Amino acid sequence: MDVAGKVAVVTGSGNGIGVAIAKRLAAAGARVVVTDIEADSVERVAKEIGTVGLAADLTTEAGVKAVATLARDAYGRIDIWHSNAGIAGPPPPDSLQDDAQWNTMWQLHVMAHLYAAREVLPEMVARGDGYLLQTASSVALATQPLKADYSVTKHAALALSEWLAVRYRPYGVKISCFCPGAMLTRMLLDNGFPDDHPAIRAALTPEQVAEVVLRGLADERFLILTDPEDARALVDKGTDYDAWIGRFGQPLR
């Protein structure tokens, strides 16, 4: 898709890769709607881009509808909805998180994507064009041994994207799932890694990530990766699932 002239909603665009993607879309000629849970960040980014924004809780269907209404009121339609907001969550005290943390992860990583699809798909199908871009993680292709809630909900986000692609691509709606690896955002930096940690050395800047996303949109690829080698996890699982599990199945303490 050529994003020039398109109306794009980017959730989680008050910080991290969301800001970089929103700015990159605007630079490419898109009209971007900014939304995040942090009101001050929304106001700042919207002002920098020269657009509209709304602080909203995207874990509720009412929050998603409010953002969609703003986009339609400001620009008349929605061409691209990027469900990007996400959290890593605190390190668990044991191997399984409590119900409250599971619920937060599920609502943000899965239900927020579903609410957006419900909201914008009817108009996209009616005109035979539109784009749903959903951020999951490279963890969705593999696993995260320390965080069950994060790993499982990111897998679910990928599964939802797959189903949407199968169901709605025949109607002209583009569907992509963005599964990035390590990125230099708060989600990684708040872990307190030293500068020479392998995760820090391998991580991309938000601006580099935004370029990957824009190339993926231009190519209309389903799976958008910051490292093509991450797809190898799918091959390894399919080839020898037990060996793949064994690679991760070591005591954590």
C-alpha atoms as a PDB file:
ATOM      1  CA  MET A   1       0.000   0.000   0.000  1.00  0.00           C
ATOM      2  CA  ASP A   2       1.119   3.504  -0.793  1.00  0.00           C
ATOM      3  CA  VAL A   3       0.436   5.358   2.456  1.00  0.00           C
ATOM      4  CA  ALA A   4       0.460   8.842   0.901  1.00  0.00           C
ATOM      5  CA  GLY A   5      -2.937  10.445   1.457  1.00  0.00           C
ATOM      6  CA  LYS A   6      -4.147   7.598   3.657  1.00  0.00           C
ATOM      7  CA  VAL A   7      -5.648   8.081   7.109  1.00  0.00           C
ATOM      8  CA  ALA A   8      -3.745   6.020   9.672  1.00  0.00           C
ATOM      9  CA  VAL A   9      -4.494   5.400  13.336  1.00  0.00           C
ATOM     10  CA  VAL A  10      -1.454   4.289  15.343  1.00  0.00           C
ATOM     11  CA  THR A  11      -2.137   3.103  18.879  1.00  0.00           C
ATOM     12  CA  GLY A  12       0.568   3.331  21.499  1.00  0.00           C
ATOM     13  CA  SER A  13       1.956   6.277  19.540  1.00  0.00           C
ATOM     14  CA  GLY A  14       2.815   8.348  22.601  1.00  0.00           C
ATOM     15  CA  ASN A  15       6.214   6.703  22.996  1.00  0.00           C
ATOM     16  CA  GLY A  16       8.619   4.091  21.675  1.00  0.00           C
ATOM     17  CA  ILE A  17       8.164   2.624  18.234  1.00  0.00           C
ATOM     18  CA  GLY A  18       4.640   4.054  18.042  1.00  0.00           C
ATOM     19  CA  VAL A  19       5.995   7.605  17.902  1.00  0.00           C
ATOM     20  CA  ALA A  20       8.559   6.680  15.260  1.00  0.00           C
ATOM     21  CA  ILE A  21       5.976   4.871  13.121  1.00  0.00           C
ATOM     22  CA  ALA A  22       3.480   7.732  13.406  1.00  0.00           C
ATOM     23  CA  LYS A  23       6.126  10.257  12.372  1.00  0.00           C
ATOM     24  CA  ARG A  24       7.362   8.061   9.514  1.00  0.00           C
ATOM     25  CA  LEU A  25       3.817   7.631   8.195  1.00  0.00           C
ATOM     26  CA  ALA A  26       3.272  11.385   8.365  1.00  0.00           C
ATOM     27  CA  ALA A  27       6.550  12.006   6.556  1.00  0.00           C
ATOM     28  CA  ALA A  28       5.356   9.625   3.823  1.00  0.00           C
ATOM     29  CA  GLY A  29       2.192  11.694   3.355  1.00  0.00           C
ATOM     30  CA  ALA A  30      -0.302   9.894   5.582  1.00  0.00           C
ATOM     31  CA  ARG A  31      -2.709  11.719   7.869  1.00  0.00           C
ATOM     32  CA  VAL A  32      -2.030  10.183  11.250  1.00  0.00           C
ATOM     33  CA  VAL A  33      -4.216   9.990  14.353  1.00  0.00           C
ATOM     34  CA  VAL A  34      -2.229   9.643  17.561  1.00  0.00           C
ATOM     35  CA  THR A  35      -3.522   7.689  20.557  1.00  0.00           C
ATOM     36  CA  ASP A  36      -2.006   6.405  23.764  1.00  0.00           C
ATOM     37  CA  ILE A  37      -2.971   5.929  27.396  1.00  0.00           C
ATOM     38  CA  GLU A  38      -0.621   8.794  28.367  1.00  0.00           C
ATOM     39  CA  ALA A  39      -2.388  12.114  27.721  1.00  0.00           C
ATOM     40  CA  ASP A  40       0.738  14.297  27.882  1.00  0.00           C
ATOM     41  CA  SER A  41       2.509  12.095  25.344  1.00  0.00           C
ATOM     42  CA  VAL A  42      -0.458  12.193  22.965  1.00  0.00           C
ATOM     43  CA  GLU A  43      -0.576  15.981  23.106  1.00  0.00           C
ATOM     44  CA  ARG A  44       3.159  16.279  22.500  1.00  0.00           C
ATOM     45  CA  VAL A  45       3.331  13.860  19.566  1.00  0.00           C
ATOM     46  CA  ALA A  46       0.173  15.186  17.906  1.00  0.00           C
ATOM     47  CA  LYS A  47       1.617  18.700  18.091  1.00  0.00           C
ATOM     48  CA  GLU A  48       4.941  17.565  16.631  1.00  0.00           C
ATOM     49  CA  ILE A  49       3.215  15.862  13.713  1.00  0.00           C
ATOM     50  CA  GLY A  50       0.560  18.539  13.279  1.00  0.00           C
ATOM     51  CA  THR A  51      -2.439  16.282  13.688  1.00  0.00           C
ATOM     52  CA  VAL A  52      -5.150  15.196  16.118  1.00  0.00           C
ATOM     53  CA  GLY A  53      -4.836  12.798  19.009  1.00  0.00           C
ATOM     54  CA  LEU A  54      -6.769  11.289  21.859  1.00  0.00           C
ATOM     55  CA  ALA A  55      -5.727   9.744  25.160  1.00  0.00           C
ATOM     56  CA  ALA A  56      -7.712   6.521  25.380  1.00  0.00           C
ATOM     57  CA  ASP A  57      -7.732   3.122  27.025  1.00  0.00           C
ATOM     58  CA  LEU A  58      -7.648   0.717  24.104  1.00  0.00           C
ATOM     59  CA  THR A  59      -8.356  -2.271  26.345  1.00  0.00           C
ATOM     60  CA  THR A  60     -11.998  -1.158  26.240  1.00  0.00           C
ATOM     61  CA  GLU A  61     -14.227  -1.198  23.189  1.00  0.00           C
ATOM     62  CA  ALA A  62     -15.457   2.286  24.120  1.00  0.00           C
ATOM     63  CA  GLY A  63     -11.879   3.584  23.961  1.00  0.00           C
ATOM     64  CA  VAL A  64     -11.367   2.123  20.492  1.00  0.00           C
ATOM     65  CA  LYS A  65     -14.662   3.597  19.272  1.00  0.00           C
ATOM     66  CA  ALA A  66     -13.716   7.032  20.618  1.00  0.00           C
ATOM     67  CA  VAL A  67     -10.452   7.017  18.661  1.00  0.00           C
ATOM     68  CA  ALA A  68     -12.220   5.824  15.506  1.00  0.00           C
ATOM     69  CA  THR A  69     -14.797   8.586  15.883  1.00  0.00           C
ATOM     70  CA  LEU A  70     -12.040  11.196  16.195  1.00  0.00           C
ATOM     71  CA  ALA A  71     -10.344   9.882  13.054  1.00  0.00           C
ATOM     72  CA  ARG A  72     -13.565   9.963  11.041  1.00  0.00           C
ATOM     73  CA  ASP A  73     -14.524  13.404  12.326  1.00  0.00           C
ATOM     74  CA  ALA A  74     -11.088  14.794  11.504  1.00  0.00           C
ATOM     75  CA  TYR A  75     -10.351  13.046   8.211  1.00  0.00           C
ATOM     76  CA  GLY A  76     -13.526  11.353   7.016  1.00  0.00           C
ATOM     77  CA  ARG A  77     -12.436   7.719   7.078  1.00  0.00           C
ATOM     78  CA  ILE A  78      -9.867   5.210   8.348  1.00  0.00           C
ATOM     79  CA  ASP A  79      -7.565   3.516   5.840  1.00  0.00           C
ATOM     80  CA  ILE A  80      -4.974   1.986   8.178  1.00  0.00           C
ATOM     81  CA  TRP A  81      -5.386   0.915  11.781  1.00  0.00           C
ATOM     82  CA  HIS A  82      -2.158  -0.084  13.479  1.00  0.00           C
ATOM     83  CA  SER A  83      -2.875  -1.867  16.756  1.00  0.00           C
ATOM     84  CA  ASN A  84       0.535  -1.275  18.246  1.00  0.00           C
ATOM     85  CA  ALA A  85       0.043  -0.631  21.975  1.00  0.00           C
ATOM     86  CA  GLY A  86       1.570  -3.250  24.229  1.00  0.00           C
ATOM     87  CA  ILE A  87       3.347  -3.869  27.519  1.00  0.00           C
ATOM     88  CA  ALA A  88       6.043  -6.254  28.686  1.00  0.00           C
ATOM     89  CA  GLY A  89       4.858  -6.435  32.269  1.00  0.00           C
ATOM     90  CA  PRO A  90       6.999  -6.801  35.403  1.00  0.00           C
ATOM     91  CA  PRO A  91       9.255  -9.811  35.953  1.00  0.00           C
ATOM     92  CA  PRO A  92       7.138 -12.482  37.637  1.00  0.00           C
ATOM     93  CA  PRO A  93       7.838 -13.528  41.237  1.00  0.00           C
ATOM     94  CA  ASP A  94       7.438 -17.111  40.030  1.00  0.00           C
ATOM     95  CA  SER A  95       6.773 -18.884  36.746  1.00  0.00           C
ATOM     96  CA  LEU A  96       3.106 -17.854  36.379  1.00  0.00           C
ATOM     97  CA  GLN A  97       1.642 -14.358  36.782  1.00  0.00           C
ATOM     98  CA  ASP A  98      -1.513 -13.500  38.713  1.00  0.00           C
ATOM     99  CA  ASP A  99      -4.961 -13.142  37.124  1.00  0.00           C
ATOM    100  CA  ALA A 100      -4.837  -9.347  37.079  1.00  0.00           C
ATOM    101  CA  GLN A 101      -1.649  -9.340  35.001  1.00  0.00           C
ATOM    102  CA  TRP A 102      -3.021 -12.000  32.646  1.00  0.00           C
ATOM    103  CA  ASN A 103      -6.175  -9.953  32.141  1.00  0.00           C
ATOM    104  CA  THR A 104      -4.221  -6.779  31.350  1.00  0.00           C
ATOM    105  CA  MET A 105      -2.050  -8.600  28.818  1.00  0.00           C
ATOM    106  CA  TRP A 106      -5.048 -10.305  27.206  1.00  0.00           C
ATOM    107  CA  GLN A 107      -7.063  -7.115  26.899  1.00  0.00           C
ATOM    108  CA  LEU A 108      -4.220  -5.089  25.387  1.00  0.00           C
ATOM    109  CA  HIS A 109      -2.518  -7.671  23.194  1.00  0.00           C
ATOM    110  CA  VAL A 110      -5.621  -9.450  21.902  1.00  0.00           C
ATOM    111  CA  MET A 111      -8.939  -7.775  22.661  1.00  0.00           C
ATOM    112  CA  ALA A 112      -7.738  -4.299  21.639  1.00  0.00           C
ATOM    113  CA  HIS A 113      -6.876  -5.784  18.229  1.00  0.00           C
ATOM    114  CA  LEU A 114     -10.271  -7.455  18.044  1.00  0.00           C
ATOM    115  CA  TYR A 115     -12.121  -4.269  19.022  1.00  0.00           C
ATOM    116  CA  ALA A 116     -10.300  -2.383  16.264  1.00  0.00           C
ATOM    117  CA  ALA A 117     -11.142  -5.042  13.691  1.00  0.00           C
ATOM    118  CA  ARG A 118     -14.826  -4.944  14.644  1.00  0.00           C
ATOM    119  CA  GLU A 119     -14.817  -1.160  14.383  1.00  0.00           C
ATOM    120  CA  VAL A 120     -13.137  -0.628  11.016  1.00  0.00           C
ATOM    121  CA  LEU A 121     -13.636  -3.815   8.981  1.00  0.00           C
ATOM    122  CA  PRO A 122     -17.213  -3.057   7.846  1.00  0.00           C
ATOM    123  CA  GLU A 123     -16.181   0.168   6.107  1.00  0.00           C
ATOM    124  CA  MET A 124     -13.026  -1.416   4.676  1.00  0.00           C
ATOM    125  CA  VAL A 125     -14.946  -4.366   3.269  1.00  0.00           C
ATOM    126  CA  ALA A 126     -17.592  -2.021   1.827  1.00  0.00           C
ATOM    127  CA  ARG A 127     -15.023  -0.096  -0.190  1.00  0.00           C
ATOM    128  CA  GLY A 128     -12.805  -3.126  -0.914  1.00  0.00           C
ATOM    129  CA  ASP A 129      -9.715  -1.531   0.588  1.00  0.00           C
ATOM    130  CA  GLY A 130      -8.070  -0.929   3.939  1.00  0.00           C
ATOM    131  CA  TYR A 131      -5.252  -2.151   6.147  1.00  0.00           C
ATOM    132  CA  LEU A 132      -5.129  -3.766   9.579  1.00  0.00           C
ATOM    133  CA  LEU A 133      -1.589  -3.857  10.954  1.00  0.00           C
ATOM    134  CA  GLN A 134      -1.172  -5.573  14.309  1.00  0.00           C
ATOM    135  CA  THR A 135       1.949  -5.595  16.443  1.00  0.00           C
ATOM    136  CA  ALA A 136       2.772  -8.903  18.112  1.00  0.00           C
ATOM    137  CA  SER A 137       6.407  -9.875  18.758  1.00  0.00           C
ATOM    138  CA  SER A 138       9.084 -12.282  17.606  1.00  0.00           C
ATOM    139  CA  VAL A 139       8.077 -14.079  20.817  1.00  0.00           C
ATOM    140  CA  ALA A 140       4.892 -15.056  18.947  1.00  0.00           C
ATOM    141  CA  LEU A 141       7.055 -17.187  16.665  1.00  0.00           C
ATOM    142  CA  ALA A 142       9.029 -18.714  19.520  1.00  0.00           C
ATOM    143  CA  THR A 143       8.412 -18.223  23.258  1.00  0.00           C
ATOM    144  CA  GLN A 144       9.471 -16.213  26.301  1.00  0.00           C
ATOM    145  CA  PRO A 145      10.444 -18.604  29.095  1.00  0.00           C
ATOM    146  CA  LEU A 146      10.157 -15.986  31.852  1.00  0.00           C
ATOM    147  CA  LYS A 147       6.766 -14.483  31.024  1.00  0.00           C
ATOM    148  CA  ALA A 148       3.895 -16.840  30.303  1.00  0.00           C
ATOM    149  CA  ASP A 149       1.301 -14.065  30.010  1.00  0.00           C
ATOM    150  CA  TYR A 150       3.366 -12.095  27.498  1.00  0.00           C
ATOM    151  CA  SER A 151       4.256 -15.152  25.428  1.00  0.00           C
ATOM    152  CA  VAL A 152       0.746 -16.608  25.292  1.00  0.00           C
ATOM    153  CA  THR A 153      -0.988 -13.325  24.463  1.00  0.00           C
ATOM    154  CA  LYS A 154       1.515 -12.526  21.731  1.00  0.00           C
ATOM    155  CA  HIS A 155       0.885 -15.964  20.232  1.00  0.00           C
ATOM    156  CA  ALA A 156      -2.828 -15.178  20.380  1.00  0.00           C
ATOM    157  CA  ALA A 157      -2.268 -11.842  18.640  1.00  0.00           C
ATOM    158  CA  LEU A 158      -0.531 -13.636  15.776  1.00  0.00           C
ATOM    159  CA  ALA A 159      -3.325 -16.225  15.587  1.00  0.00           C
ATOM    160  CA  LEU A 160      -5.938 -13.467  15.380  1.00  0.00           C
ATOM    161  CA  SER A 161      -3.995 -11.759  12.587  1.00  0.00           C
ATOM    162  CA  GLU A 162      -3.762 -15.052  10.697  1.00  0.00           C
ATOM    163  CA  TRP A 163      -7.516 -15.613  10.952  1.00  0.00           C
ATOM    164  CA  LEU A 164      -8.286 -12.066   9.850  1.00  0.00           C
ATOM    165  CA  ALA A 165      -5.987 -12.435   6.856  1.00  0.00           C
ATOM    166  CA  VAL A 166      -7.602 -15.697   5.794  1.00  0.00           C
ATOM    167  CA  ARG A 167     -11.094 -14.286   6.219  1.00  0.00           C
ATOM    168  CA  TYR A 168     -10.783 -10.723   4.913  1.00  0.00           C
ATOM    169  CA  ARG A 169      -7.988 -10.596   2.353  1.00  0.00           C
ATOM    170  CA  PRO A 170     -10.413 -11.910  -0.313  1.00  0.00           C
ATOM    171  CA  TYR A 171     -12.443  -8.714   0.277  1.00  0.00           C
ATOM    172  CA  GLY A 172      -9.510  -6.446  -0.483  1.00  0.00           C
ATOM    173  CA  VAL A 173      -8.484  -5.751   3.114  1.00  0.00           C
ATOM    174  CA  LYS A 174      -4.776  -6.035   3.772  1.00  0.00           C
ATOM    175  CA  ILE A 175      -3.707  -7.714   7.005  1.00  0.00           C
ATOM    176  CA  SER A 176      -0.190  -7.766   8.433  1.00  0.00           C
ATOM    177  CA  CYS A 177       1.296  -8.910  11.710  1.00  0.00           C
ATOM    178  CA  PHE A 178       4.422  -7.087  12.858  1.00  0.00           C
ATOM    179  CA  CYS A 179       6.657  -9.360  14.941  1.00  0.00           C
ATOM    180  CA  PRO A 180       9.687  -7.321  15.978  1.00  0.00           C
ATOM    181  CA  GLY A 181      12.690  -8.485  17.933  1.00  0.00           C
ATOM    182  CA  ALA A 182      14.645  -6.385  20.418  1.00  0.00           C
ATOM    183  CA  MET A 183      14.086  -2.634  20.133  1.00  0.00           C
ATOM    184  CA  LEU A 184      15.615   0.309  22.008  1.00  0.00           C
ATOM    185  CA  THR A 185      12.425   1.307  23.804  1.00  0.00           C
ATOM    186  CA  ARG A 186      11.336   1.505  27.436  1.00  0.00           C
ATOM    187  CA  MET A 187      10.162  -2.110  27.225  1.00  0.00           C
ATOM    188  CA  LEU A 188      13.784  -3.226  26.809  1.00  0.00           C
ATOM    189  CA  LEU A 189      15.736  -0.451  28.496  1.00  0.00           C
ATOM    190  CA  ASP A 190      13.755  -0.674  31.747  1.00  0.00           C
ATOM    191  CA  ASN A 191      15.225  -4.145  32.265  1.00  0.00           C
ATOM    192  CA  GLY A 192      18.464  -2.472  33.329  1.00  0.00           C
ATOM    193  CA  PHE A 193      20.732  -4.257  30.854  1.00  0.00           C
ATOM    194  CA  PRO A 194      24.267  -2.833  30.521  1.00  0.00           C
ATOM    195  CA  ASP A 195      25.167  -1.213  27.219  1.00  0.00           C
ATOM    196  CA  ASP A 196      27.239  -4.225  26.165  1.00  0.00           C
ATOM    197  CA  HIS A 197      24.429  -6.739  26.790  1.00  0.00           C
ATOM    198  CA  PRO A 198      23.696  -8.820  23.650  1.00  0.00           C
ATOM    199  CA  ALA A 199      20.038  -7.721  23.669  1.00  0.00           C
ATOM    200  CA  ILE A 200      21.070  -4.057  23.653  1.00  0.00           C
ATOM    201  CA  ARG A 201      23.702  -4.540  20.962  1.00  0.00           C
ATOM    202  CA  ALA A 202      21.233  -6.335  18.692  1.00  0.00           C
ATOM    203  CA  ALA A 203      18.331  -3.946  19.269  1.00  0.00           C
ATOM    204  CA  LEU A 204      17.103  -1.577  16.573  1.00  0.00           C
ATOM    205  CA  THR A 205      16.281   2.067  17.159  1.00  0.00           C
ATOM    206  CA  PRO A 206      12.615   3.095  16.865  1.00  0.00           C
ATOM    207  CA  GLU A 207      13.476   4.921  13.653  1.00  0.00           C
ATOM    208  CA  GLN A 208      14.985   1.764  12.138  1.00  0.00           C
ATOM    209  CA  VAL A 209      11.897  -0.175  13.179  1.00  0.00           C
ATOM    210  CA  ALA A 210       9.641   2.399  11.526  1.00  0.00           C
ATOM    211  CA  GLU A 211      11.478   1.901   8.236  1.00  0.00           C
ATOM    212  CA  VAL A 212      10.910  -1.856   8.479  1.00  0.00           C
ATOM    213  CA  VAL A 213       7.199  -1.277   9.057  1.00  0.00           C
ATOM    214  CA  LEU A 214       6.858   1.104   6.119  1.00  0.00           C
ATOM    215  CA  ARG A 215       8.590  -1.373   3.801  1.00  0.00           C
ATOM    216  CA  GLY A 216       6.263  -4.099   5.035  1.00  0.00           C
ATOM    217  CA  LEU A 217       3.218  -1.946   4.343  1.00  0.00           C
ATOM    218  CA  ALA A 218       4.505  -1.126   0.870  1.00  0.00           C
ATOM    219  CA  ASP A 219       4.992  -4.841   0.134  1.00  0.00           C
ATOM    220  CA  GLU A 220       1.718  -5.814   1.883  1.00  0.00           C
ATOM    221  CA  ARG A 221       3.481  -8.760   3.516  1.00  0.00           C
ATOM    222  CA  PHE A 222       1.573 -10.667   6.158  1.00  0.00           C
ATOM    223  CA  LEU A 223       4.557 -11.273   8.444  1.00  0.00           C
ATOM    224  CA  ILE A 224       6.737  -8.206   8.995  1.00  0.00           C
ATOM    225  CA  LEU A 225       9.978  -8.952  10.848  1.00  0.00           C
ATOM    226  CA  THR A 226      12.898  -6.842  12.022  1.00  0.00           C
ATOM    227  CA  ASP A 227      15.091  -9.935  11.613  1.00  0.00           C
ATOM    228  CA  PRO A 228      14.107 -12.400   8.851  1.00  0.00           C
ATOM    229  CA  GLU A 229      15.905 -15.159  10.784  1.00  0.00           C
ATOM    230  CA  ASP A 230      13.180 -14.995  13.446  1.00  0.00           C
ATOM    231  CA  ALA A 231      10.937 -16.949  11.071  1.00  0.00           C
ATOM    232  CA  ARG A 232      13.326 -19.865  11.527  1.00  0.00           C
ATOM    233  CA  ALA A 233      11.521 -20.658  14.791  1.00  0.00           C
ATOM    234  CA  LEU A 234       8.482 -21.748  12.777  1.00  0.00           C
ATOM    235  CA  VAL A 235      10.622 -24.122  10.729  1.00  0.00           C
ATOM    236  CA  ASP A 236      12.362 -25.518  13.795  1.00  0.00           C
ATOM    237  CA  LYS A 237       9.075 -26.166  15.591  1.00  0.00           C
ATOM    238  CA  GLY A 238       7.594 -27.886  12.560  1.00  0.00           C
ATOM    239  CA  THR A 239      10.690 -30.004  12.007  1.00  0.00           C
ATOM    240  CA  ASP A 240      11.212 -31.305  15.553  1.00  0.00           C
ATOM    241  CA  TYR A 241       8.880 -29.830  18.142  1.00  0.00           C
ATOM    242  CA  ASP A 242      10.404 -31.710  21.094  1.00  0.00           C
ATOM    243  CA  ALA A 243      13.911 -30.562  20.236  1.00  0.00           C
ATOM    244  CA  TRP A 244      12.663 -27.003  19.930  1.00  0.00           C
ATOM    245  CA  ILE A 245      11.003 -27.159  23.361  1.00  0.00           C
ATOM    246  CA  GLY A 246      14.141 -28.679  24.816  1.00  0.00           C
ATOM    247  CA  ARG A 247      16.111 -25.669  23.672  1.00  0.00           C
ATOM    248  CA  PHE A 248      14.134 -23.517  26.110  1.00  0.00           C
ATOM    249  CA  GLY A 249      13.301 -26.138  28.721  1.00  0.00           C
ATOM    250  CA  GLN A 250      16.038 -25.407  31.248  1.00  0.00           C
ATOM    251  CA  PRO A 251      15.563 -24.507  34.943  1.00  0.00           C
ATOM    252  CA  LEU A 252      15.196 -20.763  35.376  1.00  0.00           C
ATOM    253  CA  ARG A 253      16.878 -20.738  38.779  1.00  0.00           C
END
